[in-house]
Amino acid sequence: MAGTIGNAGELFAAAGWVAWPLAAVSVVSVALCIERAFFFLSLRKGMAPGRVSRIAAALRSSDESALARQTGDGVLGQFVSAMLDESAGGQMGESSVLAAAESVRPRLERYLSFLSTVVTAAPMLGILGTVTGIIKSFGLLGSAEQVTDPAAMAVGISEALYTTAFGLVIALVVLFPYNHFRRSADRALGVFETIGAAALESGTHPSRSK
């Protein structure tokens, strides 16, 4: 265990200063991916097909009591409540559905823009480390003194290679969860559109029917 930690420390030191922002980005990205994973897992459970069907049926029949039993405090409940609030005192319209969908979109897409940026920025940080490592190596070659120790050149070359590898690894690790979270958010919005279509079929606010 101690040897593994020591080797990791040596790799980190060999990567140079660029390893620090890469490490910070990786830690934050992993934490956000875990948070989003739990969020979408909870969202998936709360949007079971049976529950969605019952909510759609309650909206079609304008059954307020059944709708109250099926909706909760989650994203789905927030969407239905926002949709009904938008149409309160009038007919249910497409604008009410769109406004409700936009009200829950920030919760669905939270942190996704940051993860998308990491996928692009991490390799660029790695390339920056590559450039600084090559500059360091050529700086030694261009010095007035003759370079007799190959290890002095290896420092710059190691920095150039390690930072590129670290940046690519971080981008790949974040890329797959990000794509999954994006698909999950789009899928949830599709479910909301289905529920909104059911509400538009009735055309009335549930509270006005009973």
C-alpha atoms as a PDB file:
ATOM      1  CA  MET A   1       0.000   0.000   0.000  1.00  0.00           C
ATOM      2  CA  ALA A   2       2.769   2.395   0.947  1.00  0.00           C
ATOM      3  CA  GLY A   3       4.606   1.493  -2.257  1.00  0.00           C
ATOM      4  CA  THR A   4       1.533   2.243  -4.336  1.00  0.00           C
ATOM      5  CA  ILE A   5       1.070   5.622  -2.673  1.00  0.00           C
ATOM      6  CA  GLY A   6       4.748   6.347  -3.184  1.00  0.00           C
ATOM      7  CA  ASN A   7       4.559   5.481  -6.869  1.00  0.00           C
ATOM      8  CA  ALA A   8       1.459   7.659  -7.267  1.00  0.00           C
ATOM      9  CA  GLY A   9       3.297  10.530  -5.582  1.00  0.00           C
ATOM     10  CA  GLU A  10       6.246  10.100  -7.920  1.00  0.00           C
ATOM     11  CA  LEU A  11       3.962  10.163 -10.959  1.00  0.00           C
ATOM     12  CA  PHE A  12       2.217  13.248  -9.622  1.00  0.00           C
ATOM     13  CA  ALA A  13       5.535  15.025  -9.058  1.00  0.00           C
ATOM     14  CA  ALA A  14       6.786  14.012 -12.500  1.00  0.00           C
ATOM     15  CA  ALA A  15       3.730  15.552 -14.147  1.00  0.00           C
ATOM     16  CA  GLY A  16       4.712  19.023 -12.978  1.00  0.00           C
ATOM     17  CA  TRP A  17       2.503  21.933 -11.946  1.00  0.00           C
ATOM     18  CA  VAL A  18      -0.278  21.061 -14.412  1.00  0.00           C
ATOM     19  CA  ALA A  19      -1.009  17.991 -12.291  1.00  0.00           C
ATOM     20  CA  TRP A  20      -2.506  20.221  -9.596  1.00  0.00           C
ATOM     21  CA  PRO A  21      -5.379  21.692 -11.657  1.00  0.00           C
ATOM     22  CA  LEU A  22      -5.930  18.279 -13.236  1.00  0.00           C
ATOM     23  CA  ALA A  23      -6.184  16.697  -9.788  1.00  0.00           C
ATOM     24  CA  ALA A  24      -8.631  19.376  -8.612  1.00  0.00           C
ATOM     25  CA  VAL A  25     -10.767  18.930 -11.728  1.00  0.00           C
ATOM     26  CA  SER A  26     -10.785  15.155 -11.341  1.00  0.00           C
ATOM     27  CA  VAL A  27     -11.872  15.270  -7.689  1.00  0.00           C
ATOM     28  CA  VAL A  28     -14.683  17.748  -8.362  1.00  0.00           C
ATOM     29  CA  SER A  29     -15.821  15.831 -11.441  1.00  0.00           C
ATOM     30  CA  VAL A  30     -15.994  12.503  -9.617  1.00  0.00           C
ATOM     31  CA  ALA A  31     -17.977  14.093  -6.772  1.00  0.00           C
ATOM     32  CA  LEU A  32     -20.452  15.650  -9.204  1.00  0.00           C
ATOM     33  CA  CYS A  33     -20.808  12.401 -11.145  1.00  0.00           C
ATOM     34  CA  ILE A  34     -21.677  10.571  -7.919  1.00  0.00           C
ATOM     35  CA  GLU A  35     -24.241  13.243  -7.004  1.00  0.00           C
ATOM     36  CA  ARG A  36     -25.832  13.093 -10.460  1.00  0.00           C
ATOM     37  CA  ALA A  37     -25.867   9.294 -10.392  1.00  0.00           C
ATOM     38  CA  PHE A  38     -27.874   9.259  -7.165  1.00  0.00           C
ATOM     39  CA  PHE A  39     -30.177  12.006  -8.488  1.00  0.00           C
ATOM     40  CA  PHE A  40     -31.045  10.199 -11.717  1.00  0.00           C
ATOM     41  CA  LEU A  41     -31.396   6.888  -9.902  1.00  0.00           C
ATOM     42  CA  SER A  42     -33.964   8.496  -7.600  1.00  0.00           C
ATOM     43  CA  LEU A  43     -35.619  10.184 -10.578  1.00  0.00           C
ATOM     44  CA  ARG A  44     -35.890   6.881 -12.421  1.00  0.00           C
ATOM     45  CA  LYS A  45     -37.584   5.249  -9.451  1.00  0.00           C
ATOM     46  CA  GLY A  46     -40.002   8.170  -9.124  1.00  0.00           C
ATOM     47  CA  MET A  47     -40.890   8.033 -12.814  1.00  0.00           C
ATOM     48  CA  ALA A  48     -41.884   4.383 -13.037  1.00  0.00           C
ATOM     49  CA  PRO A  49     -44.100   3.718 -16.091  1.00  0.00           C
ATOM     50  CA  GLY A  50     -47.059   2.729 -13.908  1.00  0.00           C
ATOM     51  CA  ARG A  51     -46.945   5.949 -11.951  1.00  0.00           C
ATOM     52  CA  VAL A  52     -46.622   8.042 -15.106  1.00  0.00           C
ATOM     53  CA  SER A  53     -49.632   6.266 -16.604  1.00  0.00           C
ATOM     54  CA  ARG A  54     -51.726   6.926 -13.509  1.00  0.00           C
ATOM     55  CA  ILE A  55     -50.780  10.608 -13.486  1.00  0.00           C
ATOM     56  CA  ALA A  56     -51.631  10.901 -17.187  1.00  0.00           C
ATOM     57  CA  ALA A  57     -54.991   9.194 -16.593  1.00  0.00           C
ATOM     58  CA  ALA A  58     -55.738  11.525 -13.675  1.00  0.00           C
ATOM     59  CA  LEU A  59     -54.974  14.540 -15.847  1.00  0.00           C
ATOM     60  CA  ARG A  60     -57.164  13.275 -18.692  1.00  0.00           C
ATOM     61  CA  SER A  61     -60.086  12.737 -16.330  1.00  0.00           C
ATOM     62  CA  SER A  62     -59.308  15.909 -14.322  1.00  0.00           C
ATOM     63  CA  ASP A  63     -59.311  13.796 -11.154  1.00  0.00           C
ATOM     64  CA  GLU A  64     -57.725  16.072  -8.572  1.00  0.00           C
ATOM     65  CA  SER A  65     -57.735  13.539  -5.716  1.00  0.00           C
ATOM     66  CA  ALA A  66     -56.029  10.828  -7.803  1.00  0.00           C
ATOM     67  CA  LEU A  67     -53.493  13.354  -9.047  1.00  0.00           C
ATOM     68  CA  ALA A  68     -52.676  14.437  -5.500  1.00  0.00           C
ATOM     69  CA  ARG A  69     -52.058  10.809  -4.485  1.00  0.00           C
ATOM     70  CA  GLN A  70     -49.647  10.139  -7.365  1.00  0.00           C
ATOM     71  CA  THR A  71     -47.563  13.306  -7.343  1.00  0.00           C
ATOM     72  CA  GLY A  72     -44.961  14.028  -4.685  1.00  0.00           C
ATOM     73  CA  ASP A  73     -42.140  16.411  -3.892  1.00  0.00           C
ATOM     74  CA  GLY A  74     -39.779  15.104  -6.566  1.00  0.00           C
ATOM     75  CA  VAL A  75     -39.062  16.509 -10.002  1.00  0.00           C
ATOM     76  CA  LEU A  76     -42.180  14.873 -11.425  1.00  0.00           C
ATOM     77  CA  GLY A  77     -44.363  16.397  -8.724  1.00  0.00           C
ATOM     78  CA  GLN A  78     -42.712  19.770  -9.270  1.00  0.00           C
ATOM     79  CA  PHE A  79     -43.475  19.567 -12.979  1.00  0.00           C
ATOM     80  CA  VAL A  80     -47.137  18.685 -12.479  1.00  0.00           C
ATOM     81  CA  SER A  81     -47.588  21.384  -9.834  1.00  0.00           C
ATOM     82  CA  ALA A  82     -45.927  24.004 -12.022  1.00  0.00           C
ATOM     83  CA  MET A  83     -48.085  22.993 -14.975  1.00  0.00           C
ATOM     84  CA  LEU A  84     -51.275  23.290 -12.950  1.00  0.00           C
ATOM     85  CA  ASP A  85     -50.170  26.605 -11.439  1.00  0.00           C
ATOM     86  CA  GLU A  86     -49.472  27.996 -14.912  1.00  0.00           C
ATOM     87  CA  SER A  87     -52.985  27.041 -16.038  1.00  0.00           C
ATOM     88  CA  ALA A  88     -54.794  28.009 -12.846  1.00  0.00           C
ATOM     89  CA  GLY A  89     -57.988  29.902 -13.529  1.00  0.00           C
ATOM     90  CA  GLY A  90     -58.022  29.051 -17.220  1.00  0.00           C
ATOM     91  CA  GLN A  91     -57.669  26.430 -19.907  1.00  0.00           C
ATOM     92  CA  MET A  92     -54.652  24.133 -19.990  1.00  0.00           C
ATOM     93  CA  GLY A  93     -52.486  25.264 -22.904  1.00  0.00           C
ATOM     94  CA  GLU A  94     -49.225  24.298 -24.547  1.00  0.00           C
ATOM     95  CA  SER A  95     -47.560  27.338 -23.013  1.00  0.00           C
ATOM     96  CA  SER A  96     -48.360  25.982 -19.537  1.00  0.00           C
ATOM     97  CA  VAL A  97     -46.659  22.680 -20.349  1.00  0.00           C
ATOM     98  CA  LEU A  98     -43.591  24.394 -21.811  1.00  0.00           C
ATOM     99  CA  ALA A  99     -43.279  26.754 -18.860  1.00  0.00           C
ATOM    100  CA  ALA A 100     -43.524  23.838 -16.425  1.00  0.00           C
ATOM    101  CA  ALA A 101     -40.869  21.897 -18.326  1.00  0.00           C
ATOM    102  CA  GLU A 102     -38.521  24.883 -18.230  1.00  0.00           C
ATOM    103  CA  SER A 103     -39.070  25.242 -14.489  1.00  0.00           C
ATOM    104  CA  VAL A 104     -37.674  21.742 -13.828  1.00  0.00           C
ATOM    105  CA  ARG A 105     -34.968  21.783 -16.511  1.00  0.00           C
ATOM    106  CA  PRO A 106     -32.330  23.353 -14.186  1.00  0.00           C
ATOM    107  CA  ARG A 107     -32.677  20.430 -11.758  1.00  0.00           C
ATOM    108  CA  LEU A 108     -32.286  17.920 -14.575  1.00  0.00           C
ATOM    109  CA  GLU A 109     -29.293  19.631 -16.179  1.00  0.00           C
ATOM    110  CA  ARG A 110     -27.536  20.678 -12.979  1.00  0.00           C
ATOM    111  CA  TYR A 111     -23.720  20.400 -13.268  1.00  0.00           C
ATOM    112  CA  LEU A 112     -23.936  18.975 -16.795  1.00  0.00           C
ATOM    113  CA  SER A 113     -22.409  22.092 -18.330  1.00  0.00           C
ATOM    114  CA  PHE A 114     -19.447  21.784 -15.938  1.00  0.00           C
ATOM    115  CA  LEU A 115     -18.937  18.107 -16.805  1.00  0.00           C
ATOM    116  CA  SER A 116     -19.112  18.952 -20.497  1.00  0.00           C
ATOM    117  CA  THR A 117     -16.448  21.604 -19.981  1.00  0.00           C
ATOM    118  CA  VAL A 118     -14.222  19.107 -18.157  1.00  0.00           C
ATOM    119  CA  VAL A 119     -14.411  16.692 -21.094  1.00  0.00           C
ATOM    120  CA  THR A 120     -13.025  19.463 -23.321  1.00  0.00           C
ATOM    121  CA  ALA A 121     -10.698  21.227 -20.888  1.00  0.00           C
ATOM    122  CA  ALA A 122      -8.901  18.236 -19.331  1.00  0.00           C
ATOM    123  CA  PRO A 123      -7.113  17.180 -22.550  1.00  0.00           C
ATOM    124  CA  MET A 124      -6.262  20.823 -23.205  1.00  0.00           C
ATOM    125  CA  LEU A 125      -4.663  21.085 -19.767  1.00  0.00           C
ATOM    126  CA  GLY A 126      -2.754  17.915 -20.583  1.00  0.00           C
ATOM    127  CA  ILE A 127      -1.509  19.441 -23.824  1.00  0.00           C
ATOM    128  CA  LEU A 128      -0.461  22.547 -21.893  1.00  0.00           C
ATOM    129  CA  GLY A 129       1.631  20.324 -19.647  1.00  0.00           C
ATOM    130  CA  THR A 130       3.109  18.681 -22.730  1.00  0.00           C
ATOM    131  CA  VAL A 131       4.156  22.053 -24.101  1.00  0.00           C
ATOM    132  CA  THR A 132       5.722  23.189 -20.813  1.00  0.00           C
ATOM    133  CA  GLY A 133       7.565  19.866 -20.497  1.00  0.00           C
ATOM    134  CA  ILE A 134       8.980  20.151 -24.009  1.00  0.00           C
ATOM    135  CA  ILE A 135       9.985  23.752 -23.339  1.00  0.00           C
ATOM    136  CA  LYS A 136      11.812  22.602 -20.203  1.00  0.00           C
ATOM    137  CA  SER A 137      13.665  19.911 -22.149  1.00  0.00           C
ATOM    138  CA  PHE A 138      14.681  22.246 -24.959  1.00  0.00           C
ATOM    139  CA  GLY A 139      15.695  24.817 -22.373  1.00  0.00           C
ATOM    140  CA  LEU A 140      18.249  22.356 -21.034  1.00  0.00           C
ATOM    141  CA  LEU A 141      19.509  21.590 -24.529  1.00  0.00           C
ATOM    142  CA  GLY A 142      19.871  25.278 -25.283  1.00  0.00           C
ATOM    143  CA  SER A 143      21.756  26.094 -22.104  1.00  0.00           C
ATOM    144  CA  ALA A 144      25.391  27.068 -22.252  1.00  0.00           C
ATOM    145  CA  GLU A 145      26.468  24.032 -20.224  1.00  0.00           C
ATOM    146  CA  GLN A 146      26.612  20.625 -21.840  1.00  0.00           C
ATOM    147  CA  VAL A 147      23.953  18.238 -20.584  1.00  0.00           C
ATOM    148  CA  THR A 148      25.670  15.088 -19.353  1.00  0.00           C
ATOM    149  CA  ASP A 149      22.920  13.642 -17.154  1.00  0.00           C
ATOM    150  CA  PRO A 150      20.099  12.000 -19.154  1.00  0.00           C
ATOM    151  CA  ALA A 151      17.875  12.246 -16.064  1.00  0.00           C
ATOM    152  CA  ALA A 152      17.775  16.015 -16.462  1.00  0.00           C
ATOM    153  CA  MET A 153      16.181  15.588 -19.897  1.00  0.00           C
ATOM    154  CA  ALA A 154      13.861  12.879 -18.617  1.00  0.00           C
ATOM    155  CA  VAL A 155      12.196  15.338 -16.218  1.00  0.00           C
ATOM    156  CA  GLY A 156      10.835  17.472 -19.020  1.00  0.00           C
ATOM    157  CA  ILE A 157       9.896  14.476 -21.157  1.00  0.00           C
ATOM    158  CA  SER A 158       8.055  12.849 -18.242  1.00  0.00           C
ATOM    159  CA  GLU A 159       6.123  16.031 -17.602  1.00  0.00           C
ATOM    160  CA  ALA A 160       5.157  16.174 -21.279  1.00  0.00           C
ATOM    161  CA  LEU A 161       3.903  12.582 -21.387  1.00  0.00           C
ATOM    162  CA  TYR A 162       2.246  12.247 -17.978  1.00  0.00           C
ATOM    163  CA  THR A 163       0.140  15.385 -18.219  1.00  0.00           C
ATOM    164  CA  THR A 164      -1.238  14.349 -21.602  1.00  0.00           C
ATOM    165  CA  ALA A 165      -2.111  10.924 -20.236  1.00  0.00           C
ATOM    166  CA  PHE A 166      -3.748  12.369 -17.107  1.00  0.00           C
ATOM    167  CA  GLY A 167      -5.834  14.823 -19.129  1.00  0.00           C
ATOM    168  CA  LEU A 168      -7.059  12.105 -21.485  1.00  0.00           C
ATOM    169  CA  VAL A 169      -7.906   9.741 -18.624  1.00  0.00           C
ATOM    170  CA  ILE A 170      -9.954  12.410 -16.836  1.00  0.00           C
ATOM    171  CA  ALA A 171     -11.816  13.283 -20.047  1.00  0.00           C
ATOM    172  CA  LEU A 172     -12.644   9.624 -20.721  1.00  0.00           C
ATOM    173  CA  VAL A 173     -13.752   8.971 -17.146  1.00  0.00           C
ATOM    174  CA  VAL A 174     -16.136  11.950 -17.230  1.00  0.00           C
ATOM    175  CA  LEU A 175     -17.324  11.492 -20.827  1.00  0.00           C
ATOM    176  CA  PHE A 176     -19.350   8.300 -20.324  1.00  0.00           C
ATOM    177  CA  PRO A 177     -21.236   9.429 -17.181  1.00  0.00           C
ATOM    178  CA  TYR A 178     -21.910  12.810 -18.805  1.00  0.00           C
ATOM    179  CA  ASN A 179     -23.467  11.189 -21.875  1.00  0.00           C
ATOM    180  CA  HIS A 180     -25.570   8.938 -19.650  1.00  0.00           C
ATOM    181  CA  PHE A 181     -26.776  11.882 -17.556  1.00  0.00           C
ATOM    182  CA  ARG A 182     -27.605  13.876 -20.689  1.00  0.00           C
ATOM    183  CA  ARG A 183     -29.667  10.995 -22.070  1.00  0.00           C
ATOM    184  CA  SER A 184     -31.421  10.593 -18.719  1.00  0.00           C
ATOM    185  CA  ALA A 185     -32.338  14.280 -18.637  1.00  0.00           C
ATOM    186  CA  ASP A 186     -33.659  14.143 -22.204  1.00  0.00           C
ATOM    187  CA  ARG A 187     -35.630  10.999 -21.371  1.00  0.00           C
ATOM    188  CA  ALA A 188     -37.202  12.712 -18.353  1.00  0.00           C
ATOM    189  CA  LEU A 189     -38.199  15.700 -20.472  1.00  0.00           C
ATOM    190  CA  GLY A 190     -39.779  13.269 -22.925  1.00  0.00           C
ATOM    191  CA  VAL A 191     -41.853  11.786 -20.107  1.00  0.00           C
ATOM    192  CA  PHE A 192     -42.928  15.280 -19.084  1.00  0.00           C
ATOM    193  CA  GLU A 193     -44.041  15.945 -22.642  1.00  0.00           C
ATOM    194  CA  THR A 194     -46.172  12.798 -22.498  1.00  0.00           C
ATOM    195  CA  ILE A 195     -47.777  13.959 -19.259  1.00  0.00           C
ATOM    196  CA  GLY A 196     -48.280  17.413 -20.732  1.00  0.00           C
ATOM    197  CA  ALA A 197     -49.999  15.910 -23.754  1.00  0.00           C
ATOM    198  CA  ALA A 198     -52.384  14.078 -21.434  1.00  0.00           C
ATOM    199  CA  ALA A 199     -53.165  17.348 -19.667  1.00  0.00           C
ATOM    200  CA  LEU A 200     -53.828  19.051 -23.001  1.00  0.00           C
ATOM    201  CA  GLU A 201     -56.302  16.304 -23.915  1.00  0.00           C
ATOM    202  CA  SER A 202     -58.519  17.303 -21.003  1.00  0.00           C
ATOM    203  CA  GLY A 203     -57.930  20.986 -21.626  1.00  0.00           C
ATOM    204  CA  THR A 204     -59.144  21.918 -18.130  1.00  0.00           C
ATOM    205  CA  HIS A 205     -57.600  22.489 -14.731  1.00  0.00           C
ATOM    206  CA  PRO A 206     -58.322  19.479 -12.399  1.00  0.00           C
ATOM    207  CA  SER A 207     -59.550  21.702  -9.625  1.00  0.00           C
ATOM    208  CA  ARG A 208     -62.302  23.062 -11.879  1.00  0.00           C
ATOM    209  CA  SER A 209     -63.835  19.706 -12.781  1.00  0.00           C
ATOM    210  CA  LYS A 210     -65.073  18.526  -9.394  1.00  0.00           C
END
